Amino acid sequence: MAATYEDIIIDQGADVSIELQLVETDGSKKDLTGHSGSAKMKRNYNSTDSDDIVDFSVGIASPATDGVMTISLTNTQTDLLNTRGRYVYDVEISHLDSDNNTIIERILEGKIKVSPSVTR
């Protein structure tokens, strides 16, 4: 299944929390029991400089059967973001299958624009 594409605007210097409600193709809530998540944003897809890469905190809400996860950044993280140009990002979930293989699924991707802060 292809990841959903969504552009995001982040306010520089503000705390950011984005709630994702995951559903199966039939519309039912995705059971996230046994899943973990990860999310990153980079200045571009090939960025390797640690100053250009930001890790989101990722949490799965309880109960995991509700299919809700949250990605977030602190105000300290967003204060350091460059307001020129855009970032790219993606969100992935992973779990172990019955053969103990790690299955990774990209669920969301897009571009991030950072809105500059006057009160920095």
N, C-alpha and C. Protein backbone atom coordinates (compact mmCIF):
# COMPACT_ATOMS: atom_id res chain seq x y z
N MET A 1 0.84 -1.17 0.00
CA MET A 1 0.00 0.00 0.00
C MET A 1 0.89 1.24 0.00
N ALA A 2 0.57 2.20 -0.84
CA ALA A 2 1.35 3.43 -0.95
C ALA A 2 1.10 4.34 0.25
N ALA A 3 2.13 5.07 0.63
CA ALA A 3 2.01 6.02 1.73
C ALA A 3 1.12 7.19 1.32
N THR A 4 0.42 7.76 2.28
CA THR A 4 -0.35 8.97 2.05
C THR A 4 0.61 10.14 1.96
N TYR A 5 0.32 11.10 1.07
CA TYR A 5 1.15 12.28 0.90
C TYR A 5 0.44 13.47 1.53
N GLU A 6 1.17 14.20 2.40
CA GLU A 6 0.58 15.36 3.07
C GLU A 6 1.68 16.40 3.32
N ASP A 7 1.47 17.62 2.85
CA ASP A 7 2.39 18.71 3.17
C ASP A 7 2.01 19.29 4.52
N ILE A 8 3.01 19.72 5.28
CA ILE A 8 2.81 20.22 6.63
C ILE A 8 3.50 21.58 6.78
N ILE A 9 2.90 22.47 7.55
CA ILE A 9 3.55 23.73 7.93
C ILE A 9 3.82 23.67 9.43
N ILE A 10 5.07 23.95 9.80
CA ILE A 10 5.49 23.95 11.20
C ILE A 10 5.87 25.37 11.58
N ASP A 11 5.40 25.83 12.73
CA ASP A 11 5.78 27.14 13.25
C ASP A 11 7.12 27.02 13.97
N GLN A 12 8.09 27.80 13.53
CA GLN A 12 9.41 27.80 14.16
C GLN A 12 9.28 28.22 15.62
N GLY A 13 9.94 27.51 16.52
CA GLY A 13 9.95 27.85 17.95
C GLY A 13 8.74 27.36 18.72
N ALA A 14 7.86 26.60 18.08
CA ALA A 14 6.65 26.10 18.75
C ALA A 14 6.73 24.59 18.93
N ASP A 15 6.04 24.10 19.96
CA ASP A 15 5.89 22.65 20.12
C ASP A 15 4.92 22.16 19.04
N VAL A 16 5.22 21.00 18.46
CA VAL A 16 4.39 20.45 17.39
C VAL A 16 4.00 19.02 17.77
N SER A 17 2.72 18.73 17.66
CA SER A 17 2.23 17.37 17.89
C SER A 17 1.17 17.08 16.83
N ILE A 18 1.39 16.02 16.08
CA ILE A 18 0.48 15.65 15.00
C ILE A 18 -0.05 14.26 15.28
N GLU A 19 -1.37 14.16 15.40
CA GLU A 19 -2.01 12.88 15.66
C GLU A 19 -2.39 12.23 14.34
N LEU A 20 -1.99 10.98 14.18
CA LEU A 20 -2.30 10.21 12.98
C LEU A 20 -3.27 9.10 13.36
N GLN A 21 -4.38 9.03 12.67
CA GLN A 21 -5.37 7.98 12.90
C GLN A 21 -5.29 7.02 11.73
N LEU A 22 -4.73 5.84 11.97
CA LEU A 22 -4.47 4.88 10.91
C LEU A 22 -5.64 3.93 10.73
N VAL A 23 -5.99 3.71 9.47
CA VAL A 23 -7.09 2.81 9.15
C VAL A 23 -6.64 1.82 8.08
N GLU A 24 -7.28 0.67 8.07
CA GLU A 24 -7.04 -0.34 7.04
C GLU A 24 -7.79 0.07 5.77
N THR A 25 -7.52 -0.62 4.66
CA THR A 25 -8.19 -0.29 3.39
C THR A 25 -9.70 -0.47 3.47
N ASP A 26 -10.17 -1.31 4.41
CA ASP A 26 -11.62 -1.50 4.55
C ASP A 26 -12.27 -0.45 5.46
N GLY A 27 -11.44 0.49 5.97
CA GLY A 27 -11.96 1.56 6.82
C GLY A 27 -11.89 1.27 8.31
N SER A 28 -11.53 0.05 8.70
CA SER A 28 -11.43 -0.28 10.13
C SER A 28 -10.14 0.30 10.71
N LYS A 29 -10.13 0.50 12.01
CA LYS A 29 -8.94 1.02 12.70
C LYS A 29 -7.80 0.03 12.57
N LYS A 30 -6.59 0.54 12.30
CA LYS A 30 -5.42 -0.33 12.19
C LYS A 30 -4.96 -0.71 13.59
N ASP A 31 -4.83 -1.99 13.84
CA ASP A 31 -4.35 -2.48 15.13
C ASP A 31 -2.84 -2.32 15.18
N LEU A 32 -2.36 -1.44 16.06
CA LEU A 32 -0.93 -1.17 16.17
C LEU A 32 -0.26 -1.96 17.30
N THR A 33 -0.93 -2.99 17.80
CA THR A 33 -0.34 -3.84 18.83
C THR A 33 0.94 -4.46 18.28
N GLY A 34 2.03 -4.34 19.02
CA GLY A 34 3.31 -4.90 18.60
C GLY A 34 4.06 -4.06 17.57
N HIS A 35 3.52 -2.91 17.21
CA HIS A 35 4.17 -2.02 16.24
C HIS A 35 4.99 -0.96 16.95
N SER A 36 5.98 -0.44 16.25
CA SER A 36 6.70 0.75 16.69
C SER A 36 6.73 1.71 15.51
N GLY A 37 7.05 2.95 15.78
CA GLY A 37 7.06 3.94 14.72
C GLY A 37 8.34 4.75 14.71
N SER A 38 8.63 5.34 13.57
CA SER A 38 9.75 6.26 13.45
C SER A 38 9.40 7.32 12.41
N ALA A 39 9.97 8.50 12.56
CA ALA A 39 9.72 9.59 11.62
C ALA A 39 10.92 10.52 11.62
N LYS A 40 11.28 10.97 10.42
CA LYS A 40 12.40 11.90 10.25
C LYS A 40 12.02 12.97 9.25
N MET A 41 12.69 14.10 9.39
CA MET A 41 12.64 15.13 8.36
C MET A 41 14.07 15.50 8.00
N LYS A 42 14.29 15.81 6.72
CA LYS A 42 15.61 16.16 6.22
C LYS A 42 15.48 17.35 5.27
N ARG A 43 16.58 18.05 5.07
CA ARG A 43 16.58 19.18 4.12
C ARG A 43 16.34 18.67 2.70
N ASN A 44 16.86 17.50 2.37
CA ASN A 44 16.57 16.85 1.10
C ASN A 44 16.77 15.35 1.29
N TYR A 45 16.34 14.57 0.32
CA TYR A 45 16.36 13.12 0.46
C TYR A 45 17.76 12.55 0.68
N ASN A 46 18.78 13.22 0.17
CA ASN A 46 20.15 12.71 0.27
C ASN A 46 20.94 13.30 1.44
N SER A 47 20.32 14.09 2.29
CA SER A 47 21.04 14.71 3.42
C SER A 47 21.66 13.66 4.33
N THR A 48 22.92 13.88 4.65
CA THR A 48 23.60 13.02 5.62
C THR A 48 24.17 13.84 6.78
N ASP A 49 24.20 15.16 6.63
CA ASP A 49 24.69 16.05 7.68
C ASP A 49 23.70 16.05 8.84
N SER A 50 24.18 15.75 10.05
CA SER A 50 23.29 15.65 11.21
C SER A 50 22.54 16.95 11.48
N ASP A 51 23.08 18.10 11.05
CA ASP A 51 22.39 19.38 11.23
C ASP A 51 21.17 19.49 10.32
N ASP A 52 21.09 18.66 9.29
CA ASP A 52 19.98 18.71 8.34
C ASP A 52 18.94 17.62 8.58
N ILE A 53 19.12 16.81 9.64
CA ILE A 53 18.22 15.69 9.92
C ILE A 53 17.60 15.88 11.30
N VAL A 54 16.28 15.76 11.37
CA VAL A 54 15.57 15.92 12.64
C VAL A 54 14.70 14.68 12.86
N ASP A 55 14.83 14.06 14.02
CA ASP A 55 14.01 12.91 14.39
C ASP A 55 12.79 13.38 15.17
N PHE A 56 11.62 12.95 14.76
CA PHE A 56 10.40 13.19 15.52
C PHE A 56 10.35 12.19 16.67
N SER A 57 9.71 12.56 17.77
CA SER A 57 9.33 11.58 18.79
C SER A 57 8.06 10.93 18.27
N VAL A 58 7.94 9.62 18.45
CA VAL A 58 6.79 8.89 17.95
C VAL A 58 6.19 8.08 19.09
N GLY A 59 4.88 8.17 19.25
CA GLY A 59 4.19 7.41 20.28
C GLY A 59 2.95 6.74 19.72
N ILE A 60 2.66 5.57 20.25
CA ILE A 60 1.44 4.86 19.89
C ILE A 60 0.50 4.95 21.08
N ALA A 61 -0.69 5.47 20.83
CA ALA A 61 -1.67 5.69 21.90
C ALA A 61 -2.22 4.35 22.39
N SER A 62 -2.69 4.39 23.63
CA SER A 62 -3.31 3.21 24.23
C SER A 62 -4.82 3.40 24.21
N PRO A 63 -5.57 2.40 23.83
CA PRO A 63 -5.14 1.07 23.41
C PRO A 63 -4.64 1.10 21.97
N ALA A 64 -3.65 0.27 21.68
CA ALA A 64 -3.04 0.21 20.35
C ALA A 64 -4.05 -0.22 19.28
N THR A 65 -5.11 -0.86 19.70
CA THR A 65 -6.13 -1.31 18.75
C THR A 65 -6.92 -0.14 18.14
N ASP A 66 -6.78 1.07 18.71
CA ASP A 66 -7.47 2.24 18.17
C ASP A 66 -6.75 2.84 16.96
N GLY A 67 -5.51 2.40 16.69
CA GLY A 67 -4.79 2.85 15.50
C GLY A 67 -4.32 4.29 15.52
N VAL A 68 -4.06 4.83 16.71
CA VAL A 68 -3.66 6.24 16.82
C VAL A 68 -2.19 6.33 17.22
N MET A 69 -1.44 7.13 16.46
CA MET A 69 -0.06 7.42 16.83
C MET A 69 0.17 8.92 16.71
N THR A 70 1.19 9.40 17.41
CA THR A 70 1.51 10.82 17.43
C THR A 70 2.97 11.01 17.08
N ILE A 71 3.23 12.00 16.22
CA ILE A 71 4.61 12.42 15.96
C ILE A 71 4.74 13.83 16.52
N SER A 72 5.89 14.13 17.12
CA SER A 72 6.02 15.44 17.75
C SER A 72 7.46 15.95 17.72
N LEU A 73 7.57 17.27 17.82
CA LEU A 73 8.84 17.97 17.94
C LEU A 73 8.71 18.97 19.08
N THR A 74 9.80 19.20 19.79
CA THR A 74 9.80 20.20 20.86
C THR A 74 10.05 21.59 20.28
N ASN A 75 9.75 22.60 21.09
CA ASN A 75 10.01 23.97 20.63
C ASN A 75 11.50 24.21 20.42
N THR A 76 12.35 23.52 21.16
CA THR A 76 13.80 23.63 20.97
C THR A 76 14.19 23.10 19.60
N GLN A 77 13.60 21.96 19.20
CA GLN A 77 13.88 21.40 17.88
C GLN A 77 13.40 22.32 16.77
N THR A 78 12.19 22.84 16.88
CA THR A 78 11.65 23.66 15.80
C THR A 78 12.32 25.03 15.73
N ASP A 79 12.85 25.50 16.86
CA ASP A 79 13.55 26.78 16.87
C ASP A 79 14.82 26.71 16.02
N LEU A 80 15.41 25.53 15.90
CA LEU A 80 16.65 25.35 15.14
C LEU A 80 16.42 25.11 13.65
N LEU A 81 15.17 24.98 13.24
CA LEU A 81 14.89 24.67 11.84
C LEU A 81 15.15 25.86 10.94
N ASN A 82 15.65 25.57 9.76
CA ASN A 82 15.92 26.58 8.74
C ASN A 82 14.59 26.97 8.08
N THR A 83 14.34 28.24 7.94
CA THR A 83 13.07 28.69 7.34
C THR A 83 13.19 28.93 5.84
N ARG A 84 14.36 28.74 5.28
CA ARG A 84 14.54 28.87 3.83
C ARG A 84 14.39 27.51 3.19
N GLY A 85 13.58 27.43 2.18
CA GLY A 85 13.36 26.17 1.49
C GLY A 85 12.42 25.27 2.26
N ARG A 86 12.40 24.01 1.91
CA ARG A 86 11.51 23.04 2.53
C ARG A 86 12.28 21.82 2.98
N TYR A 87 11.67 21.08 3.85
CA TYR A 87 12.18 19.79 4.29
C TYR A 87 11.32 18.70 3.65
N VAL A 88 11.83 17.49 3.62
CA VAL A 88 11.04 16.31 3.26
C VAL A 88 10.94 15.46 4.51
N TYR A 89 9.89 14.66 4.61
CA TYR A 89 9.72 13.82 5.80
C TYR A 89 9.00 12.54 5.43
N ASP A 90 9.11 11.56 6.31
CA ASP A 90 8.26 10.39 6.21
C ASP A 90 8.06 9.77 7.58
N VAL A 91 7.02 8.98 7.68
CA VAL A 91 6.65 8.28 8.92
C VAL A 91 6.51 6.81 8.57
N GLU A 92 7.13 5.95 9.38
CA GLU A 92 7.06 4.51 9.15
C GLU A 92 6.62 3.78 10.41
N ILE A 93 5.96 2.66 10.21
CA ILE A 93 5.67 1.76 11.32
C ILE A 93 6.32 0.42 11.01
N SER A 94 6.67 -0.31 12.06
CA SER A 94 7.29 -1.61 11.85
C SER A 94 6.78 -2.60 12.90
N HIS A 95 6.86 -3.88 12.54
CA HIS A 95 6.50 -4.96 13.45
C HIS A 95 7.17 -6.24 12.97
N LEU A 96 7.16 -7.25 13.82
CA LEU A 96 7.71 -8.55 13.44
C LEU A 96 6.58 -9.43 12.93
N ASP A 97 6.85 -10.12 11.80
CA ASP A 97 5.84 -11.06 11.30
C ASP A 97 6.00 -12.41 12.01
N SER A 98 5.21 -13.39 11.62
CA SER A 98 5.22 -14.70 12.29
C SER A 98 6.54 -15.44 12.14
N ASP A 99 7.36 -15.07 11.14
CA ASP A 99 8.68 -15.68 10.95
C ASP A 99 9.79 -14.85 11.59
N ASN A 100 9.42 -13.86 12.39
CA ASN A 100 10.36 -12.99 13.10
C ASN A 100 11.13 -12.05 12.16
N ASN A 101 10.55 -11.76 10.99
CA ASN A 101 11.12 -10.79 10.07
C ASN A 101 10.52 -9.43 10.37
N THR A 102 11.35 -8.38 10.30
CA THR A 102 10.85 -7.03 10.52
C THR A 102 10.16 -6.53 9.26
N ILE A 103 8.91 -6.13 9.41
CA ILE A 103 8.12 -5.58 8.31
C ILE A 103 8.01 -4.08 8.54
N ILE A 104 8.43 -3.29 7.55
CA ILE A 104 8.38 -1.83 7.64
C ILE A 104 7.41 -1.31 6.59
N GLU A 105 6.54 -0.41 7.03
CA GLU A 105 5.55 0.18 6.13
C GLU A 105 5.61 1.70 6.25
N ARG A 106 5.82 2.38 5.14
CA ARG A 106 5.77 3.84 5.14
C ARG A 106 4.31 4.23 5.08
N ILE A 107 3.87 5.04 6.04
CA ILE A 107 2.45 5.39 6.10
C ILE A 107 2.16 6.82 5.70
N LEU A 108 3.17 7.69 5.80
CA LEU A 108 2.95 9.11 5.49
C LEU A 108 4.25 9.71 5.00
N GLU A 109 4.14 10.61 4.03
CA GLU A 109 5.31 11.32 3.52
C GLU A 109 4.88 12.65 2.94
N GLY A 110 5.84 13.54 2.77
CA GLY A 110 5.51 14.83 2.18
C GLY A 110 6.62 15.83 2.39
N LYS A 111 6.24 17.11 2.28
CA LYS A 111 7.18 18.21 2.46
C LYS A 111 6.73 19.04 3.66
N ILE A 112 7.71 19.66 4.29
CA ILE A 112 7.44 20.53 5.44
C ILE A 112 7.99 21.92 5.16
N LYS A 113 7.14 22.91 5.34
CA LYS A 113 7.55 24.31 5.27
C LYS A 113 7.60 24.81 6.71
N VAL A 114 8.66 25.57 7.03
CA VAL A 114 8.81 26.13 8.36
C VAL A 114 8.45 27.61 8.32
N SER A 115 7.44 27.97 9.07
CA SER A 115 7.00 29.37 9.17
C SER A 115 7.88 30.08 10.18
N PRO A 116 8.58 31.16 9.77
CA PRO A 116 9.52 31.82 10.69
C PRO A 116 8.83 32.47 11.88
N SER A 117 9.58 32.50 12.98
CA SER A 117 9.10 33.11 14.21
C SER A 117 9.66 34.51 14.35
N VAL A 118 8.84 35.44 14.74
CA VAL A 118 9.29 36.79 15.04
C VAL A 118 9.83 36.84 16.47
N THR A 119 9.20 36.10 17.37
CA THR A 119 9.55 36.11 18.80
C THR A 119 10.54 35.00 19.09
N ARG A 120 11.75 35.15 18.61
CA ARG A 120 12.79 34.13 18.84
C ARG A 120 13.76 34.62 19.87
